[in-house]
Amino acid sequence: MKSKTWTLLFLCFCLSCGSVKRTDNTDIFEKSFGLKNSKDLEKFVQKFEKLVLTPNYSTGDLTEKYKDFAKTCLEKGVVDALPAINGALIEFRETQAWNEIYAQVDSVWTGKYEQLSGRIIYNSEKGTKNIGTTGYPTRRISNLDSLKTSILKWQVWNNYGKYVTALEKVKKGNAFIEEYYQVKTKVGEISSEIFCDMLRRHNPDFENQLIRNIIAVEFALLYVS
């Protein structure tokens, strides 16, 4: 009987290794981002863990794999993993959660100063909102039609969506999330080098669901870049 008890306790301990940590901020984030959006994001995070972290990183639990990821960051095996997770990325892109994280370019025209201009829209739950424009120089571009097609596929960081709003509500007291929020809201897209530097300097709690969300979202950026 004692043997069975210790076995059960051991199994419970093992199952807790690398488990996701929920905090009060997790609830605050989900309330702001929306429960359905949070579930769709969490589903993508789980696919990221299964298809990217598990095959390419350490043999330890998920927390150890995230730590290993932070050391090599968006280098070791990650780009090669894009085809494996392509289906999950496409599925994630069809959710409202995606629209709350990224805005889209829906029209392109020839503007002044030898550049193409594009209208950026936010596909919110209440309808489409025009939130700005983007431009791309056309000098030395031989095929403008091809460039227009490319621009229409762009996904732009959405400073008006619920994801940014949710991060704003939970950033206080977490140095990594606070710096990430400040940089993203100022410049939008950041290089993998800058993001990796943040991870290494702050060494955040990789059991925290919010940290895992951010890492998976930045990985998705490779897909839309």
C-alpha atoms as a PDB file:
ATOM      1  CA  MET A   1       0.000   0.000   0.000  1.00  0.00           C
ATOM      2  CA  LYS A   2       2.828   2.371   0.923  1.00  0.00           C
ATOM      3  CA  SER A   3       4.552   1.520  -2.349  1.00  0.00           C
ATOM      4  CA  LYS A   4       1.468   2.544  -4.326  1.00  0.00           C
ATOM      5  CA  THR A   5       1.197   5.767  -2.323  1.00  0.00           C
ATOM      6  CA  TRP A   6       4.806   6.732  -3.007  1.00  0.00           C
ATOM      7  CA  THR A   7       4.390   5.847  -6.669  1.00  0.00           C
ATOM      8  CA  LEU A   8       1.358   8.112  -6.894  1.00  0.00           C
ATOM      9  CA  LEU A   9       3.189  10.948  -5.175  1.00  0.00           C
ATOM     10  CA  PHE A  10       6.158  10.510  -7.493  1.00  0.00           C
ATOM     11  CA  LEU A  11       3.926  10.626 -10.561  1.00  0.00           C
ATOM     12  CA  CYS A  12       2.227  13.775  -9.293  1.00  0.00           C
ATOM     13  CA  PHE A  13       5.641  15.354  -8.745  1.00  0.00           C
ATOM     14  CA  CYS A  14       6.778  14.445 -12.257  1.00  0.00           C
ATOM     15  CA  LEU A  15       3.617  15.808 -13.810  1.00  0.00           C
ATOM     16  CA  SER A  16       4.187  19.097 -12.018  1.00  0.00           C
ATOM     17  CA  CYS A  17       7.651  19.470 -13.547  1.00  0.00           C
ATOM     18  CA  GLY A  18       7.616  22.164 -16.188  1.00  0.00           C
ATOM     19  CA  SER A  19       3.969  22.908 -15.466  1.00  0.00           C
ATOM     20  CA  VAL A  20       2.412  26.225 -16.419  1.00  0.00           C
ATOM     21  CA  LYS A  21       2.188  28.739 -13.603  1.00  0.00           C
ATOM     22  CA  ARG A  22      -0.988  30.798 -13.310  1.00  0.00           C
ATOM     23  CA  THR A  23      -0.986  34.042 -11.335  1.00  0.00           C
ATOM     24  CA  ASP A  24      -3.451  36.841 -10.656  1.00  0.00           C
ATOM     25  CA  ASN A  25      -1.980  38.554 -13.715  1.00  0.00           C
ATOM     26  CA  THR A  26      -2.935  35.551 -15.840  1.00  0.00           C
ATOM     27  CA  ASP A  27      -6.579  36.128 -14.953  1.00  0.00           C
ATOM     28  CA  ILE A  28      -6.245  39.874 -15.574  1.00  0.00           C
ATOM     29  CA  PHE A  29      -4.666  39.212 -18.974  1.00  0.00           C
ATOM     30  CA  GLU A  30      -7.375  36.743 -20.003  1.00  0.00           C
ATOM     31  CA  LYS A  31     -10.163  39.077 -18.925  1.00  0.00           C
ATOM     32  CA  SER A  32      -8.693  41.908 -21.016  1.00  0.00           C
ATOM     33  CA  PHE A  33      -7.653  39.823 -24.030  1.00  0.00           C
ATOM     34  CA  GLY A  34     -10.869  37.795 -23.966  1.00  0.00           C
ATOM     35  CA  LEU A  35     -11.386  34.183 -22.924  1.00  0.00           C
ATOM     36  CA  LYS A  36     -11.804  32.858 -26.484  1.00  0.00           C
ATOM     37  CA  ASN A  37      -8.745  34.774 -27.686  1.00  0.00           C
ATOM     38  CA  SER A  38      -6.743  33.490 -24.716  1.00  0.00           C
ATOM     39  CA  LYS A  39      -7.728  29.893 -25.435  1.00  0.00           C
ATOM     40  CA  ASP A  40      -6.780  30.241 -29.119  1.00  0.00           C
ATOM     41  CA  LEU A  41      -3.412  31.738 -28.170  1.00  0.00           C
ATOM     42  CA  GLU A  42      -2.818  29.022 -25.575  1.00  0.00           C
ATOM     43  CA  LYS A  43      -3.622  26.383 -28.195  1.00  0.00           C
ATOM     44  CA  PHE A  44      -0.953  27.844 -30.484  1.00  0.00           C
ATOM     45  CA  VAL A  45       1.531  27.994 -27.599  1.00  0.00           C
ATOM     46  CA  GLN A  46       0.949  24.285 -26.970  1.00  0.00           C
ATOM     47  CA  LYS A  47       1.566  23.522 -30.660  1.00  0.00           C
ATOM     48  CA  PHE A  48       4.751  25.601 -30.482  1.00  0.00           C
ATOM     49  CA  GLU A  49       5.901  23.572 -27.481  1.00  0.00           C
ATOM     50  CA  LYS A  50       5.080  20.259 -29.147  1.00  0.00           C
ATOM     51  CA  LEU A  51       6.379  20.947 -32.659  1.00  0.00           C
ATOM     52  CA  VAL A  52       9.268  23.355 -32.029  1.00  0.00           C
ATOM     53  CA  LEU A  53      10.578  23.049 -28.468  1.00  0.00           C
ATOM     54  CA  THR A  54      10.221  19.297 -27.953  1.00  0.00           C
ATOM     55  CA  PRO A  55      12.087  18.162 -31.110  1.00  0.00           C
ATOM     56  CA  ASN A  56      14.798  20.841 -31.043  1.00  0.00           C
ATOM     57  CA  TYR A  57      15.731  21.477 -27.434  1.00  0.00           C
ATOM     58  CA  SER A  58      16.923  19.755 -24.251  1.00  0.00           C
ATOM     59  CA  THR A  59      15.605  16.453 -22.971  1.00  0.00           C
ATOM     60  CA  GLY A  60      14.353  18.094 -19.774  1.00  0.00           C
ATOM     61  CA  ASP A  61      10.831  19.260 -19.019  1.00  0.00           C
ATOM     62  CA  LEU A  62       9.182  22.174 -20.826  1.00  0.00           C
ATOM     63  CA  THR A  63      10.658  24.757 -18.478  1.00  0.00           C
ATOM     64  CA  GLU A  64      14.154  23.482 -19.282  1.00  0.00           C
ATOM     65  CA  LYS A  65      13.345  23.565 -22.991  1.00  0.00           C
ATOM     66  CA  TYR A  66      12.304  27.219 -22.712  1.00  0.00           C
ATOM     67  CA  LYS A  67      15.566  27.978 -20.909  1.00  0.00           C
ATOM     68  CA  ASP A  68      17.495  26.198 -23.655  1.00  0.00           C
ATOM     69  CA  PHE A  69      15.524  28.183 -26.226  1.00  0.00           C
ATOM     70  CA  ALA A  70      16.501  31.437 -24.492  1.00  0.00           C
ATOM     71  CA  LYS A  71      20.194  30.536 -24.744  1.00  0.00           C
ATOM     72  CA  THR A  72      20.208  29.878 -28.487  1.00  0.00           C
ATOM     73  CA  CYS A  73      16.969  31.764 -29.106  1.00  0.00           C
ATOM     74  CA  LEU A  74      15.647  32.178 -32.657  1.00  0.00           C
ATOM     75  CA  GLU A  75      18.585  30.302 -34.152  1.00  0.00           C
ATOM     76  CA  LYS A  76      18.948  26.617 -33.320  1.00  0.00           C
ATOM     77  CA  GLY A  77      16.484  24.579 -35.351  1.00  0.00           C
ATOM     78  CA  VAL A  78      13.726  27.180 -35.204  1.00  0.00           C
ATOM     79  CA  VAL A  79      13.666  28.259 -38.846  1.00  0.00           C
ATOM     80  CA  ASP A  80      13.861  24.612 -39.891  1.00  0.00           C
ATOM     81  CA  ALA A  81      10.804  23.979 -37.711  1.00  0.00           C
ATOM     82  CA  LEU A  82       8.600  26.412 -39.658  1.00  0.00           C
ATOM     83  CA  PRO A  83       7.308  23.774 -42.106  1.00  0.00           C
ATOM     84  CA  ALA A  84       6.370  21.467 -39.212  1.00  0.00           C
ATOM     85  CA  ILE A  85       4.254  24.123 -37.536  1.00  0.00           C
ATOM     86  CA  ASN A  86       2.868  25.667 -40.725  1.00  0.00           C
ATOM     87  CA  GLY A  87      -0.587  24.139 -40.228  1.00  0.00           C
ATOM     88  CA  ALA A  88      -0.834  25.438 -36.663  1.00  0.00           C
ATOM     89  CA  LEU A  89       0.243  28.907 -37.790  1.00  0.00           C
ATOM     90  CA  ILE A  90      -2.373  28.970 -40.544  1.00  0.00           C
ATOM     91  CA  GLU A  91      -5.038  27.876 -38.062  1.00  0.00           C
ATOM     92  CA  PHE A  92      -3.927  30.529 -35.564  1.00  0.00           C
ATOM     93  CA  ARG A  93      -3.980  33.184 -38.273  1.00  0.00           C
ATOM     94  CA  GLU A  94      -7.688  32.527 -38.851  1.00  0.00           C
ATOM     95  CA  THR A  95      -8.607  33.391 -35.244  1.00  0.00           C
ATOM     96  CA  GLN A  96      -9.684  36.723 -33.807  1.00  0.00           C
ATOM     97  CA  ALA A  97      -6.756  36.432 -31.406  1.00  0.00           C
ATOM     98  CA  TRP A  98      -4.444  36.895 -34.395  1.00  0.00           C
ATOM     99  CA  ASN A  99      -6.261  40.084 -35.399  1.00  0.00           C
ATOM    100  CA  GLU A 100      -5.864  41.408 -31.870  1.00  0.00           C
ATOM    101  CA  ILE A 101      -2.096  40.899 -32.144  1.00  0.00           C
ATOM    102  CA  TYR A 102      -1.522  41.816 -35.800  1.00  0.00           C
ATOM    103  CA  ALA A 103      -3.056  44.366 -38.156  1.00  0.00           C
ATOM    104  CA  GLN A 104      -3.191  43.862 -41.929  1.00  0.00           C
ATOM    105  CA  VAL A 105      -2.514  45.866 -45.095  1.00  0.00           C
ATOM    106  CA  ASP A 106      -5.702  45.814 -47.174  1.00  0.00           C
ATOM    107  CA  SER A 107      -4.953  48.214 -50.047  1.00  0.00           C
ATOM    108  CA  VAL A 108      -1.884  49.596 -51.838  1.00  0.00           C
ATOM    109  CA  TRP A 109      -1.362  52.634 -54.065  1.00  0.00           C
ATOM    110  CA  THR A 110       1.479  54.627 -55.605  1.00  0.00           C
ATOM    111  CA  GLY A 111       2.259  57.564 -53.354  1.00  0.00           C
ATOM    112  CA  LYS A 112       4.642  60.491 -53.425  1.00  0.00           C
ATOM    113  CA  TYR A 113       8.408  60.348 -53.298  1.00  0.00           C
ATOM    114  CA  GLU A 114       8.708  57.134 -55.320  1.00  0.00           C
ATOM    115  CA  GLN A 115       7.060  54.838 -52.815  1.00  0.00           C
ATOM    116  CA  LEU A 116       4.124  52.504 -52.519  1.00  0.00           C
ATOM    117  CA  SER A 117       1.725  53.269 -49.699  1.00  0.00           C
ATOM    118  CA  GLY A 118      -0.522  50.785 -47.942  1.00  0.00           C
ATOM    119  CA  ARG A 119      -3.532  51.189 -45.654  1.00  0.00           C
ATOM    120  CA  ILE A 120      -3.269  49.347 -42.339  1.00  0.00           C
ATOM    121  CA  ILE A 121      -6.501  48.023 -40.857  1.00  0.00           C
ATOM    122  CA  TYR A 122      -7.488  46.460 -37.547  1.00  0.00           C
ATOM    123  CA  ASN A 123     -10.070  43.714 -37.992  1.00  0.00           C
ATOM    124  CA  SER A 124     -11.724  44.178 -34.621  1.00  0.00           C
ATOM    125  CA  GLU A 125     -14.720  42.274 -33.322  1.00  0.00           C
ATOM    126  CA  LYS A 126     -16.798  45.395 -33.955  1.00  0.00           C
ATOM    127  CA  GLY A 127     -15.657  45.852 -37.550  1.00  0.00           C
ATOM    128  CA  THR A 128     -12.740  47.079 -39.642  1.00  0.00           C
ATOM    129  CA  LYS A 129     -10.848  50.140 -38.436  1.00  0.00           C
ATOM    130  CA  ASN A 130      -8.326  52.193 -40.399  1.00  0.00           C
ATOM    131  CA  ILE A 131      -5.346  52.642 -38.067  1.00  0.00           C
ATOM    132  CA  GLY A 132      -2.603  54.029 -40.314  1.00  0.00           C
ATOM    133  CA  THR A 133      -0.477  53.695 -43.429  1.00  0.00           C
ATOM    134  CA  THR A 134       2.843  52.166 -44.341  1.00  0.00           C
ATOM    135  CA  GLY A 135       5.236  52.886 -47.179  1.00  0.00           C
ATOM    136  CA  TYR A 136       7.904  51.115 -49.194  1.00  0.00           C
ATOM    137  CA  PRO A 137      10.409  52.798 -51.578  1.00  0.00           C
ATOM    138  CA  THR A 138      10.103  51.761 -55.227  1.00  0.00           C
ATOM    139  CA  ARG A 139      13.536  52.820 -56.424  1.00  0.00           C
ATOM    140  CA  ARG A 140      15.317  50.023 -58.236  1.00  0.00           C
ATOM    141  CA  ILE A 141      12.168  47.877 -58.070  1.00  0.00           C
ATOM    142  CA  SER A 142      11.616  46.322 -61.488  1.00  0.00           C
ATOM    143  CA  ASN A 143       8.284  44.627 -60.760  1.00  0.00           C
ATOM    144  CA  LEU A 144       5.852  46.890 -58.916  1.00  0.00           C
ATOM    145  CA  ASP A 145       2.971  44.420 -59.217  1.00  0.00           C
ATOM    146  CA  SER A 146       5.004  41.800 -57.374  1.00  0.00           C
ATOM    147  CA  LEU A 147       5.847  44.338 -54.644  1.00  0.00           C
ATOM    148  CA  LYS A 148       2.173  45.293 -54.300  1.00  0.00           C
ATOM    149  CA  THR A 149       1.232  41.629 -53.888  1.00  0.00           C
ATOM    150  CA  SER A 150       3.933  41.227 -51.244  1.00  0.00           C
ATOM    151  CA  ILE A 151       2.823  44.304 -49.277  1.00  0.00           C
ATOM    152  CA  LEU A 152      -0.783  43.070 -49.234  1.00  0.00           C
ATOM    153  CA  LYS A 153       0.455  40.020 -47.299  1.00  0.00           C
ATOM    154  CA  TRP A 154       2.110  42.073 -44.570  1.00  0.00           C
ATOM    155  CA  GLN A 155       1.053  41.622 -40.962  1.00  0.00           C
ATOM    156  CA  VAL A 156       1.825  44.646 -38.792  1.00  0.00           C
ATOM    157  CA  TRP A 157       2.048  44.821 -34.999  1.00  0.00           C
ATOM    158  CA  ASN A 158      -1.341  46.030 -33.767  1.00  0.00           C
ATOM    159  CA  ASN A 159      -0.982  48.788 -31.185  1.00  0.00           C
ATOM    160  CA  TYR A 160      -4.765  49.146 -31.041  1.00  0.00           C
ATOM    161  CA  GLY A 161      -5.694  45.515 -30.369  1.00  0.00           C
ATOM    162  CA  LYS A 162      -6.664  43.732 -27.180  1.00  0.00           C
ATOM    163  CA  TYR A 163      -3.293  41.956 -26.898  1.00  0.00           C
ATOM    164  CA  VAL A 164      -1.376  45.183 -26.320  1.00  0.00           C
ATOM    165  CA  THR A 165      -4.088  46.384 -23.940  1.00  0.00           C
ATOM    166  CA  ALA A 166      -3.844  43.131 -21.977  1.00  0.00           C
ATOM    167  CA  LEU A 167      -0.040  43.376 -21.765  1.00  0.00           C
ATOM    168  CA  GLU A 168      -0.338  46.941 -20.493  1.00  0.00           C
ATOM    169  CA  LYS A 169      -2.487  45.717 -17.606  1.00  0.00           C
ATOM    170  CA  VAL A 170      -0.008  43.031 -16.475  1.00  0.00           C
ATOM    171  CA  LYS A 171       3.400  44.579 -17.186  1.00  0.00           C
ATOM    172  CA  LYS A 172       3.870  46.281 -13.816  1.00  0.00           C
ATOM    173  CA  GLY A 173       6.174  44.307 -11.553  1.00  0.00           C
ATOM    174  CA  ASN A 174       7.569  42.105 -14.335  1.00  0.00           C
ATOM    175  CA  ALA A 175      10.727  43.664 -15.785  1.00  0.00           C
ATOM    176  CA  PHE A 176      10.737  41.484 -18.905  1.00  0.00           C
ATOM    177  CA  ILE A 177       7.094  42.141 -19.839  1.00  0.00           C
ATOM    178  CA  GLU A 178       7.502  45.832 -19.038  1.00  0.00           C
ATOM    179  CA  GLU A 179      10.501  46.271 -21.352  1.00  0.00           C
ATOM    180  CA  TYR A 180       8.879  44.118 -24.046  1.00  0.00           C
ATOM    181  CA  TYR A 181       5.711  46.230 -23.886  1.00  0.00           C
ATOM    182  CA  GLN A 182       7.616  49.520 -24.021  1.00  0.00           C
ATOM    183  CA  VAL A 183       9.724  48.488 -27.016  1.00  0.00           C
ATOM    184  CA  LYS A 184       6.870  46.916 -28.985  1.00  0.00           C
ATOM    185  CA  THR A 185       4.529  49.874 -28.520  1.00  0.00           C
ATOM    186  CA  LYS A 186       7.246  52.287 -29.635  1.00  0.00           C
ATOM    187  CA  VAL A 187       8.736  50.504 -32.644  1.00  0.00           C
ATOM    188  CA  GLY A 188       6.326  47.658 -33.432  1.00  0.00           C
ATOM    189  CA  GLU A 189       8.461  44.968 -34.998  1.00  0.00           C
ATOM    190  CA  ILE A 190      11.735  44.127 -33.261  1.00  0.00           C
ATOM    191  CA  SER A 191      14.596  41.995 -34.478  1.00  0.00           C
ATOM    192  CA  SER A 192      15.129  38.523 -33.079  1.00  0.00           C
ATOM    193  CA  GLU A 193      18.474  39.771 -31.730  1.00  0.00           C
ATOM    194  CA  ILE A 194      16.773  42.433 -29.597  1.00  0.00           C
ATOM    195  CA  PHE A 195      14.127  39.999 -28.362  1.00  0.00           C
ATOM    196  CA  CYS A 196      16.722  37.357 -27.504  1.00  0.00           C
ATOM    197  CA  ASP A 197      18.782  39.951 -25.648  1.00  0.00           C
ATOM    198  CA  MET A 198      15.718  40.757 -23.527  1.00  0.00           C
ATOM    199  CA  LEU A 199      15.249  37.075 -22.680  1.00  0.00           C
ATOM    200  CA  ARG A 200      18.876  36.623 -21.688  1.00  0.00           C
ATOM    201  CA  ARG A 201      19.110  39.782 -19.603  1.00  0.00           C
ATOM    202  CA  HIS A 202      15.879  39.277 -17.679  1.00  0.00           C
ATOM    203  CA  ASN A 203      15.821  35.464 -17.524  1.00  0.00           C
ATOM    204  CA  PRO A 204      12.048  35.528 -16.877  1.00  0.00           C
ATOM    205  CA  ASP A 205      10.030  32.800 -15.192  1.00  0.00           C
ATOM    206  CA  PHE A 206       9.509  30.319 -18.033  1.00  0.00           C
ATOM    207  CA  GLU A 207       6.728  28.586 -16.125  1.00  0.00           C
ATOM    208  CA  ASN A 208       4.665  31.770 -16.408  1.00  0.00           C
ATOM    209  CA  GLN A 209       1.974  31.384 -19.089  1.00  0.00           C
ATOM    210  CA  LEU A 210       2.307  35.060 -20.051  1.00  0.00           C
ATOM    211  CA  ILE A 211       6.024  34.644 -20.771  1.00  0.00           C
ATOM    212  CA  ARG A 212       5.320  31.570 -22.890  1.00  0.00           C
ATOM    213  CA  ASN A 213       2.667  33.528 -24.794  1.00  0.00           C
ATOM    214  CA  ILE A 214       5.138  36.271 -25.664  1.00  0.00           C
ATOM    215  CA  ILE A 215       7.775  33.809 -26.878  1.00  0.00           C
ATOM    216  CA  ALA A 216       5.297  31.978 -29.121  1.00  0.00           C
ATOM    217  CA  VAL A 217       3.972  35.259 -30.546  1.00  0.00           C
ATOM    218  CA  GLU A 218       7.496  36.382 -31.432  1.00  0.00           C
ATOM    219  CA  PHE A 219       8.098  33.002 -33.063  1.00  0.00           C
ATOM    220  CA  ALA A 220       4.956  33.545 -35.156  1.00  0.00           C
ATOM    221  CA  LEU A 221       6.580  36.760 -36.386  1.00  0.00           C
ATOM    222  CA  LEU A 222       9.013  34.600 -38.364  1.00  0.00           C
ATOM    223  CA  TYR A 223       5.984  33.263 -40.220  1.00  0.00           C
ATOM    224  CA  VAL A 224       4.564  36.664 -41.151  1.00  0.00           C
ATOM    225  CA  SER A 225       7.886  38.385 -41.872  1.00  0.00           C
END
